[in-house]
Amino acid sequence: MARQGEMQARPPRPAVSAREDAMGRVITHNFHHRGKKVRICPTHAGPGEPLFSDAEIWSKDYAKAEGVLFGICALAAILSRHLGPDGPWPSLLLGLLEATHRRPTPDDAGLSRASRDLKDYFVSESNPRNAQDFSAALLITDLIEYTPRYRATSGR
């Protein structure tokens, strides 16, 4: 046992590469941040600012799963922003997602029905405050509905 004021001898460190040593320092230096609470300040778009830009909407390929998923999530964000989490819209979105998952054919009525039900809901809940976001939502719904049909008939 060492006396007070004297340092104890440390056991020798195992040989590590410079990269492993650097990674160890990065991890140990940042390890104390895990215990800190992170305060998140959400930034909500103002009433005049749309949630999604035209470039974000038009840049997606709605014939692919990633585009459909983006569209469904965008619709959920718009509806949640303006109508809150309650209401019939989650089941309408799930119906649209299910209809797109079934690989619709050009004459399939399931996707058209699910899309029509959702668009009817957007129109019925539309008002001057949410008109810009809801028009974007109608566009996204149309793109989800018609892009696969267009691809199937045009050969693209």
N, C-alpha and C. Protein backbone atom coordinates (compact mmCIF):
# COMPACT_ATOMS: atom_id res chain seq x y z
N MET A 1 0.84 -1.17 0.00
CA MET A 1 0.00 0.00 0.00
C MET A 1 0.89 1.23 0.00
N ALA A 2 0.54 2.17 -0.82
CA ALA A 2 1.36 3.38 -0.94
C ALA A 2 0.99 4.36 0.15
N ARG A 3 2.00 5.10 0.54
CA ARG A 3 1.73 6.12 1.53
C ARG A 3 1.05 7.31 0.87
N GLN A 4 0.43 8.12 1.70
CA GLN A 4 -0.25 9.29 1.17
C GLN A 4 0.78 10.19 0.52
N GLY A 5 0.47 10.70 -0.67
CA GLY A 5 1.39 11.57 -1.39
C GLY A 5 2.23 10.81 -2.38
N GLU A 6 2.36 9.51 -2.22
CA GLU A 6 3.12 8.72 -3.18
C GLU A 6 2.16 8.12 -4.19
N MET A 7 2.60 8.02 -5.41
CA MET A 7 1.77 7.44 -6.46
C MET A 7 2.03 5.96 -6.54
N GLN A 8 0.96 5.21 -6.80
CA GLN A 8 1.11 3.78 -6.98
C GLN A 8 1.57 3.52 -8.41
N ALA A 9 2.35 2.49 -8.56
CA ALA A 9 2.80 2.13 -9.91
C ALA A 9 1.64 1.46 -10.63
N ARG A 10 1.40 1.91 -11.86
CA ARG A 10 0.34 1.33 -12.67
C ARG A 10 0.88 0.11 -13.40
N PRO A 11 0.00 -0.86 -13.61
CA PRO A 11 0.46 -2.01 -14.40
C PRO A 11 0.70 -1.57 -15.84
N PRO A 12 1.61 -2.22 -16.55
CA PRO A 12 1.90 -1.80 -17.92
C PRO A 12 0.67 -1.99 -18.81
N ARG A 13 0.49 -1.04 -19.75
CA ARG A 13 -0.64 -1.11 -20.70
C ARG A 13 -0.32 -2.10 -21.79
N PRO A 14 -1.35 -2.84 -22.23
CA PRO A 14 -1.11 -3.76 -23.33
C PRO A 14 -0.82 -2.96 -24.60
N ALA A 15 -0.06 -3.54 -25.49
CA ALA A 15 0.30 -2.87 -26.74
C ALA A 15 -0.94 -2.76 -27.63
N VAL A 16 -1.24 -1.55 -28.08
CA VAL A 16 -2.35 -1.31 -28.98
C VAL A 16 -1.86 -0.44 -30.13
N SER A 17 -2.56 -0.52 -31.21
CA SER A 17 -2.18 0.30 -32.35
C SER A 17 -2.56 1.74 -32.07
N ALA A 18 -2.00 2.64 -32.86
CA ALA A 18 -2.30 4.07 -32.68
C ALA A 18 -3.77 4.35 -32.92
N ARG A 19 -4.37 3.64 -33.89
CA ARG A 19 -5.79 3.84 -34.18
C ARG A 19 -6.65 3.38 -33.01
N GLU A 20 -6.34 2.21 -32.44
CA GLU A 20 -7.11 1.73 -31.31
C GLU A 20 -6.95 2.66 -30.11
N ASP A 21 -5.74 3.19 -29.93
CA ASP A 21 -5.49 4.11 -28.83
C ASP A 21 -6.30 5.39 -29.03
N ALA A 22 -6.35 5.90 -30.26
CA ALA A 22 -7.11 7.12 -30.55
C ALA A 22 -8.59 6.87 -30.33
N MET A 23 -9.09 5.72 -30.76
CA MET A 23 -10.50 5.42 -30.56
C MET A 23 -10.82 5.31 -29.07
N GLY A 24 -9.91 4.73 -28.32
CA GLY A 24 -10.13 4.64 -26.88
C GLY A 24 -10.24 6.00 -26.23
N ARG A 25 -9.43 6.93 -26.68
CA ARG A 25 -9.49 8.29 -26.14
C ARG A 25 -10.79 8.98 -26.53
N VAL A 26 -11.22 8.79 -27.77
CA VAL A 26 -12.46 9.41 -28.21
C VAL A 26 -13.62 8.88 -27.40
N ILE A 27 -13.66 7.60 -27.22
CA ILE A 27 -14.77 6.99 -26.47
C ILE A 27 -14.72 7.42 -25.02
N THR A 28 -13.55 7.36 -24.38
CA THR A 28 -13.49 7.70 -22.97
C THR A 28 -13.72 9.19 -22.73
N HIS A 29 -13.27 10.03 -23.66
CA HIS A 29 -13.49 11.46 -23.46
C HIS A 29 -14.96 11.85 -23.63
N ASN A 30 -15.69 11.12 -24.43
CA ASN A 30 -17.09 11.44 -24.65
C ASN A 30 -18.03 10.60 -23.81
N PHE A 31 -17.51 9.71 -23.03
CA PHE A 31 -18.36 8.79 -22.27
C PHE A 31 -19.21 9.53 -21.24
N HIS A 32 -18.68 10.58 -20.67
CA HIS A 32 -19.42 11.29 -19.63
C HIS A 32 -20.65 12.02 -20.17
N HIS A 33 -20.75 12.21 -21.49
CA HIS A 33 -21.90 12.90 -22.08
C HIS A 33 -23.17 12.06 -22.00
N ARG A 34 -23.06 10.75 -21.84
CA ARG A 34 -24.24 9.90 -21.78
C ARG A 34 -25.14 10.24 -20.61
N GLY A 35 -24.55 10.63 -19.51
CA GLY A 35 -25.33 10.92 -18.32
C GLY A 35 -26.06 12.24 -18.37
N LYS A 36 -25.65 13.14 -19.27
CA LYS A 36 -26.29 14.44 -19.35
C LYS A 36 -27.64 14.33 -20.04
N LYS A 37 -28.57 15.09 -19.56
CA LYS A 37 -29.87 15.14 -20.19
C LYS A 37 -29.80 16.12 -21.35
N VAL A 38 -30.35 15.70 -22.47
CA VAL A 38 -30.36 16.55 -23.64
C VAL A 38 -31.70 17.25 -23.72
N ARG A 39 -31.66 18.53 -23.86
CA ARG A 39 -32.89 19.30 -23.97
C ARG A 39 -33.16 19.55 -25.45
N ILE A 40 -34.27 19.05 -25.92
CA ILE A 40 -34.62 19.20 -27.32
C ILE A 40 -35.61 20.33 -27.45
N CYS A 41 -35.31 21.25 -28.33
CA CYS A 41 -36.20 22.36 -28.60
C CYS A 41 -36.76 22.18 -30.00
N PRO A 42 -37.99 21.70 -30.09
CA PRO A 42 -38.55 21.49 -31.43
C PRO A 42 -38.76 22.81 -32.14
N THR A 43 -38.50 22.80 -33.42
CA THR A 43 -38.72 23.99 -34.23
C THR A 43 -39.90 23.71 -35.14
N HIS A 44 -41.00 24.32 -34.83
CA HIS A 44 -42.20 24.14 -35.62
C HIS A 44 -42.24 25.21 -36.70
N ALA A 45 -42.65 24.81 -37.85
CA ALA A 45 -42.83 25.78 -38.92
C ALA A 45 -44.01 26.68 -38.56
N GLY A 46 -43.90 27.92 -38.93
CA GLY A 46 -44.98 28.85 -38.65
C GLY A 46 -46.20 28.51 -39.49
N PRO A 47 -47.32 29.17 -39.23
CA PRO A 47 -48.54 28.83 -39.95
C PRO A 47 -48.43 29.04 -41.45
N GLY A 48 -47.58 29.94 -41.90
CA GLY A 48 -47.44 30.20 -43.32
C GLY A 48 -46.40 29.34 -44.01
N GLU A 49 -45.61 28.63 -43.23
CA GLU A 49 -44.53 27.83 -43.81
C GLU A 49 -44.98 26.38 -43.99
N PRO A 50 -44.83 25.84 -45.20
CA PRO A 50 -45.21 24.44 -45.41
C PRO A 50 -44.20 23.50 -44.75
N LEU A 51 -44.67 22.32 -44.39
CA LEU A 51 -43.77 21.33 -43.79
C LEU A 51 -42.79 20.77 -44.80
N PHE A 52 -43.21 20.63 -46.05
CA PHE A 52 -42.37 20.02 -47.08
C PHE A 52 -42.30 20.94 -48.29
N SER A 53 -41.11 21.06 -48.84
CA SER A 53 -40.93 21.89 -50.03
C SER A 53 -41.33 21.11 -51.27
N ASP A 54 -41.53 21.84 -52.36
CA ASP A 54 -41.85 21.19 -53.63
C ASP A 54 -40.73 20.25 -54.05
N ALA A 55 -39.49 20.66 -53.82
CA ALA A 55 -38.35 19.82 -54.20
C ALA A 55 -38.35 18.50 -53.43
N GLU A 56 -38.69 18.55 -52.15
CA GLU A 56 -38.76 17.31 -51.36
C GLU A 56 -39.83 16.38 -51.88
N ILE A 57 -40.96 16.93 -52.26
CA ILE A 57 -42.07 16.12 -52.73
C ILE A 57 -41.79 15.52 -54.10
N TRP A 58 -41.32 16.35 -55.03
CA TRP A 58 -41.13 15.89 -56.41
C TRP A 58 -39.89 15.05 -56.61
N SER A 59 -38.95 15.08 -55.66
CA SER A 59 -37.70 14.34 -55.84
C SER A 59 -37.83 12.85 -55.54
N LYS A 60 -38.93 12.43 -54.97
CA LYS A 60 -39.11 11.02 -54.59
C LYS A 60 -39.72 10.23 -55.74
N ASP A 61 -39.38 8.95 -55.78
CA ASP A 61 -39.95 8.02 -56.76
C ASP A 61 -41.04 7.22 -56.04
N TYR A 62 -42.28 7.56 -56.28
CA TYR A 62 -43.39 6.96 -55.56
C TYR A 62 -43.77 5.58 -56.10
N ALA A 63 -43.03 5.09 -57.09
CA ALA A 63 -43.22 3.72 -57.56
C ALA A 63 -42.39 2.75 -56.73
N LYS A 64 -41.48 3.27 -55.93
CA LYS A 64 -40.62 2.44 -55.07
C LYS A 64 -41.07 2.55 -53.62
N ALA A 65 -40.68 1.56 -52.85
CA ALA A 65 -41.10 1.51 -51.44
C ALA A 65 -40.61 2.72 -50.65
N GLU A 66 -39.40 3.19 -50.93
CA GLU A 66 -38.85 4.33 -50.19
C GLU A 66 -39.69 5.59 -50.42
N GLY A 67 -40.13 5.79 -51.66
CA GLY A 67 -40.95 6.94 -51.97
C GLY A 67 -42.31 6.87 -51.31
N VAL A 68 -42.90 5.68 -51.32
CA VAL A 68 -44.20 5.49 -50.68
C VAL A 68 -44.07 5.72 -49.17
N LEU A 69 -43.01 5.20 -48.58
CA LEU A 69 -42.80 5.39 -47.14
C LEU A 69 -42.61 6.86 -46.80
N PHE A 70 -41.83 7.57 -47.63
CA PHE A 70 -41.69 9.02 -47.42
C PHE A 70 -43.05 9.69 -47.50
N GLY A 71 -43.84 9.32 -48.51
CA GLY A 71 -45.14 9.94 -48.68
C GLY A 71 -46.07 9.69 -47.51
N ILE A 72 -46.11 8.46 -47.02
CA ILE A 72 -46.96 8.13 -45.88
C ILE A 72 -46.50 8.91 -44.64
N CYS A 73 -45.20 8.97 -44.41
CA CYS A 73 -44.68 9.71 -43.26
C CYS A 73 -44.95 11.21 -43.40
N ALA A 74 -44.83 11.74 -44.61
CA ALA A 74 -45.13 13.15 -44.84
C ALA A 74 -46.61 13.44 -44.57
N LEU A 75 -47.46 12.56 -45.05
CA LEU A 75 -48.90 12.73 -44.79
C LEU A 75 -49.19 12.68 -43.30
N ALA A 76 -48.54 11.77 -42.60
CA ALA A 76 -48.74 11.66 -41.14
C ALA A 76 -48.26 12.93 -40.44
N ALA A 77 -47.14 13.48 -40.87
CA ALA A 77 -46.63 14.71 -40.26
C ALA A 77 -47.58 15.88 -40.49
N ILE A 78 -48.10 15.97 -41.70
CA ILE A 78 -49.04 17.06 -42.01
C ILE A 78 -50.32 16.92 -41.19
N LEU A 79 -50.87 15.73 -41.17
CA LEU A 79 -52.12 15.51 -40.43
C LEU A 79 -51.91 15.71 -38.93
N SER A 80 -50.81 15.23 -38.41
CA SER A 80 -50.53 15.39 -36.99
C SER A 80 -50.35 16.86 -36.63
N ARG A 81 -49.71 17.60 -37.51
CA ARG A 81 -49.47 19.02 -37.25
C ARG A 81 -50.79 19.79 -37.17
N HIS A 82 -51.70 19.50 -38.07
CA HIS A 82 -52.91 20.31 -38.16
C HIS A 82 -54.11 19.73 -37.41
N LEU A 83 -54.17 18.41 -37.25
CA LEU A 83 -55.35 17.81 -36.63
C LEU A 83 -55.07 17.08 -35.33
N GLY A 84 -53.79 16.96 -34.97
CA GLY A 84 -53.44 16.24 -33.75
C GLY A 84 -53.39 14.74 -33.99
N PRO A 85 -52.98 13.99 -32.99
CA PRO A 85 -52.79 12.55 -33.17
C PRO A 85 -54.08 11.73 -33.19
N ASP A 86 -55.17 12.32 -32.75
CA ASP A 86 -56.43 11.57 -32.68
C ASP A 86 -57.24 11.81 -33.94
N GLY A 87 -58.12 10.89 -34.20
CA GLY A 87 -59.00 11.02 -35.36
C GLY A 87 -58.90 9.79 -36.24
N PRO A 88 -59.62 9.80 -37.34
CA PRO A 88 -59.64 8.62 -38.21
C PRO A 88 -58.46 8.53 -39.17
N TRP A 89 -57.60 9.55 -39.20
CA TRP A 89 -56.56 9.56 -40.23
C TRP A 89 -55.51 8.46 -40.10
N PRO A 90 -55.13 7.97 -38.90
CA PRO A 90 -54.14 6.88 -38.88
C PRO A 90 -54.61 5.63 -39.62
N SER A 91 -55.89 5.30 -39.47
CA SER A 91 -56.40 4.11 -40.17
C SER A 91 -56.48 4.35 -41.67
N LEU A 92 -56.74 5.59 -42.09
CA LEU A 92 -56.74 5.90 -43.52
C LEU A 92 -55.34 5.77 -44.11
N LEU A 93 -54.34 6.21 -43.37
CA LEU A 93 -52.95 6.07 -43.84
C LEU A 93 -52.54 4.60 -43.90
N LEU A 94 -52.94 3.83 -42.91
CA LEU A 94 -52.62 2.40 -42.93
C LEU A 94 -53.31 1.70 -44.10
N GLY A 95 -54.52 2.12 -44.41
CA GLY A 95 -55.23 1.56 -45.56
C GLY A 95 -54.51 1.86 -46.86
N LEU A 96 -54.00 3.09 -46.99
CA LEU A 96 -53.24 3.46 -48.18
C LEU A 96 -51.94 2.68 -48.26
N LEU A 97 -51.26 2.55 -47.13
CA LEU A 97 -50.01 1.78 -47.11
C LEU A 97 -50.25 0.32 -47.47
N GLU A 98 -51.31 -0.25 -46.94
CA GLU A 98 -51.64 -1.64 -47.26
C GLU A 98 -51.97 -1.81 -48.74
N ALA A 99 -52.71 -0.85 -49.29
CA ALA A 99 -53.08 -0.92 -50.70
C ALA A 99 -51.85 -0.81 -51.61
N THR A 100 -50.88 -0.01 -51.23
CA THR A 100 -49.67 0.10 -52.05
C THR A 100 -48.79 -1.13 -51.90
N HIS A 101 -48.85 -1.76 -50.75
CA HIS A 101 -48.03 -2.95 -50.50
C HIS A 101 -48.48 -4.15 -51.32
N ARG A 102 -49.75 -4.18 -51.69
CA ARG A 102 -50.29 -5.31 -52.44
C ARG A 102 -49.86 -5.31 -53.91
N ARG A 103 -48.97 -4.44 -54.31
CA ARG A 103 -48.51 -4.35 -55.70
C ARG A 103 -49.69 -4.19 -56.64
N PRO A 104 -50.28 -3.01 -56.66
CA PRO A 104 -51.49 -2.81 -57.45
C PRO A 104 -51.24 -2.93 -58.95
N THR A 105 -52.21 -3.44 -59.64
CA THR A 105 -52.19 -3.48 -61.10
C THR A 105 -52.92 -2.24 -61.60
N PRO A 106 -52.79 -1.91 -62.89
CA PRO A 106 -53.46 -0.70 -63.39
C PRO A 106 -54.97 -0.69 -63.19
N ASP A 107 -55.60 -1.86 -63.13
CA ASP A 107 -57.05 -1.88 -62.95
C ASP A 107 -57.47 -2.20 -61.51
N ASP A 108 -56.53 -2.12 -60.56
CA ASP A 108 -56.83 -2.43 -59.16
C ASP A 108 -57.61 -1.27 -58.53
N ALA A 109 -58.72 -1.58 -57.92
CA ALA A 109 -59.57 -0.56 -57.31
C ALA A 109 -59.19 -0.29 -55.85
N GLY A 110 -58.42 -1.18 -55.22
CA GLY A 110 -58.09 -1.02 -53.80
C GLY A 110 -57.27 0.23 -53.52
N LEU A 111 -56.27 0.48 -54.34
CA LEU A 111 -55.43 1.66 -54.15
C LEU A 111 -56.24 2.92 -54.44
N SER A 112 -57.06 2.89 -55.48
CA SER A 112 -57.90 4.06 -55.80
C SER A 112 -58.87 4.36 -54.68
N ARG A 113 -59.45 3.33 -54.10
CA ARG A 113 -60.41 3.51 -53.01
C ARG A 113 -59.73 4.09 -51.78
N ALA A 114 -58.58 3.53 -51.41
CA ALA A 114 -57.86 4.02 -50.23
C ALA A 114 -57.41 5.46 -50.43
N SER A 115 -56.95 5.76 -51.63
CA SER A 115 -56.52 7.11 -51.95
C SER A 115 -57.69 8.08 -51.93
N ARG A 116 -58.81 7.69 -52.50
CA ARG A 116 -60.00 8.54 -52.54
C ARG A 116 -60.49 8.83 -51.12
N ASP A 117 -60.51 7.82 -50.25
CA ASP A 117 -60.96 8.03 -48.87
C ASP A 117 -60.07 9.05 -48.15
N LEU A 118 -58.78 8.93 -48.36
CA LEU A 118 -57.86 9.86 -47.71
C LEU A 118 -58.02 11.27 -48.29
N LYS A 119 -58.15 11.38 -49.59
CA LYS A 119 -58.33 12.70 -50.20
C LYS A 119 -59.65 13.34 -49.77
N ASP A 120 -60.69 12.55 -49.64
CA ASP A 120 -61.97 13.08 -49.13
C ASP A 120 -61.79 13.64 -47.73
N TYR A 121 -61.01 12.95 -46.92
CA TYR A 121 -60.76 13.42 -45.55
C TYR A 121 -59.99 14.74 -45.57
N PHE A 122 -58.98 14.85 -46.44
CA PHE A 122 -58.23 16.10 -46.54
C PHE A 122 -59.15 17.26 -46.94
N VAL A 123 -59.99 17.03 -47.91
CA VAL A 123 -60.88 18.08 -48.38
C VAL A 123 -61.87 18.48 -47.28
N SER A 124 -62.40 17.50 -46.56
CA SER A 124 -63.38 17.81 -45.51
C SER A 124 -62.77 18.56 -44.33
N GLU A 125 -61.49 18.35 -44.07
CA GLU A 125 -60.83 19.01 -42.93
C GLU A 125 -60.06 20.26 -43.33
N SER A 126 -60.10 20.62 -44.59
CA SER A 126 -59.32 21.76 -45.08
C SER A 126 -59.92 23.08 -44.63
N ASN A 127 -59.05 24.02 -44.30
CA ASN A 127 -59.46 25.37 -43.95
C ASN A 127 -58.33 26.31 -44.38
N PRO A 128 -58.51 27.62 -44.30
CA PRO A 128 -57.46 28.53 -44.78
C PRO A 128 -56.10 28.37 -44.07
N ARG A 129 -56.11 27.96 -42.80
CA ARG A 129 -54.84 27.81 -42.06
C ARG A 129 -54.03 26.62 -42.53
N ASN A 130 -54.68 25.53 -42.97
CA ASN A 130 -53.94 24.34 -43.35
C ASN A 130 -53.99 24.07 -44.85
N ALA A 131 -54.50 25.01 -45.62
CA ALA A 131 -54.71 24.78 -47.06
C ALA A 131 -53.41 24.48 -47.80
N GLN A 132 -52.33 25.15 -47.47
CA GLN A 132 -51.07 24.93 -48.19
C GLN A 132 -50.53 23.52 -47.92
N ASP A 133 -50.50 23.10 -46.67
CA ASP A 133 -50.03 21.76 -46.35
C ASP A 133 -50.98 20.69 -46.89
N PHE A 134 -52.28 20.95 -46.83
CA PHE A 134 -53.23 19.95 -47.31
C PHE A 134 -53.19 19.81 -48.84
N SER A 135 -52.89 20.90 -49.54
CA SER A 135 -52.75 20.77 -50.99
C SER A 135 -51.50 19.95 -51.32
N ALA A 136 -50.45 20.10 -50.54
CA ALA A 136 -49.25 19.26 -50.71
C ALA A 136 -49.59 17.81 -50.39
N ALA A 137 -50.42 17.59 -49.38
CA ALA A 137 -50.82 16.23 -49.01
C ALA A 137 -51.66 15.59 -50.12
N LEU A 138 -52.53 16.37 -50.74
CA LEU A 138 -53.31 15.85 -51.86
C LEU A 138 -52.39 15.47 -53.03
N LEU A 139 -51.38 16.29 -53.27
CA LEU A 139 -50.41 15.98 -54.33
C LEU A 139 -49.66 14.69 -54.02
N ILE A 140 -49.19 14.55 -52.80
CA ILE A 140 -48.46 13.33 -52.41
C ILE A 140 -49.36 12.10 -52.56
N THR A 141 -50.61 12.24 -52.14
CA THR A 141 -51.55 11.12 -52.27
C THR A 141 -51.75 10.75 -53.74
N ASP A 142 -51.89 11.75 -54.59
CA ASP A 142 -52.02 11.48 -56.03
C ASP A 142 -50.77 10.80 -56.58
N LEU A 143 -49.60 11.26 -56.16
CA LEU A 143 -48.36 10.65 -56.65
C LEU A 143 -48.24 9.20 -56.21
N ILE A 144 -48.64 8.91 -54.97
CA ILE A 144 -48.61 7.52 -54.49
C ILE A 144 -49.59 6.67 -55.30
N GLU A 145 -50.74 7.24 -55.61
CA GLU A 145 -51.76 6.47 -56.34
C GLU A 145 -51.40 6.28 -57.81
N TYR A 146 -50.96 7.33 -58.48
CA TYR A 146 -50.84 7.26 -59.94
C TYR A 146 -49.46 6.88 -60.46
N THR A 147 -48.40 7.07 -59.72
CA THR A 147 -47.07 6.76 -60.24
C THR A 147 -46.92 5.29 -60.62
N PRO A 148 -47.30 4.32 -59.79
CA PRO A 148 -47.17 2.92 -60.21
C PRO A 148 -48.02 2.60 -61.45
N ARG A 149 -49.21 3.18 -61.53
CA ARG A 149 -50.09 2.94 -62.67
C ARG A 149 -49.47 3.51 -63.94
N TYR A 150 -48.89 4.71 -63.84
CA TYR A 150 -48.24 5.33 -64.98
C TYR A 150 -47.05 4.50 -65.45
N ARG A 151 -46.26 4.03 -64.48
CA ARG A 151 -45.09 3.20 -64.83
C ARG A 151 -45.51 1.91 -65.52
N ALA A 152 -46.60 1.32 -65.06
CA ALA A 152 -47.05 0.04 -65.63
C ALA A 152 -47.57 0.22 -67.06
N THR A 153 -48.23 1.34 -67.34
CA THR A 153 -48.80 1.53 -68.67
C THR A 153 -47.85 2.17 -69.65
N SER A 154 -46.86 2.91 -69.14
CA SER A 154 -45.93 3.59 -70.06
C SER A 154 -44.70 2.77 -70.37
N GLY A 155 -44.46 1.73 -69.61
CA GLY A 155 -43.29 0.90 -69.84
C GLY A 155 -42.00 1.49 -69.28
N ARG A 156 -42.09 2.51 -68.44
CA ARG A 156 -40.89 3.11 -67.84
C ARG A 156 -40.48 2.39 -66.60
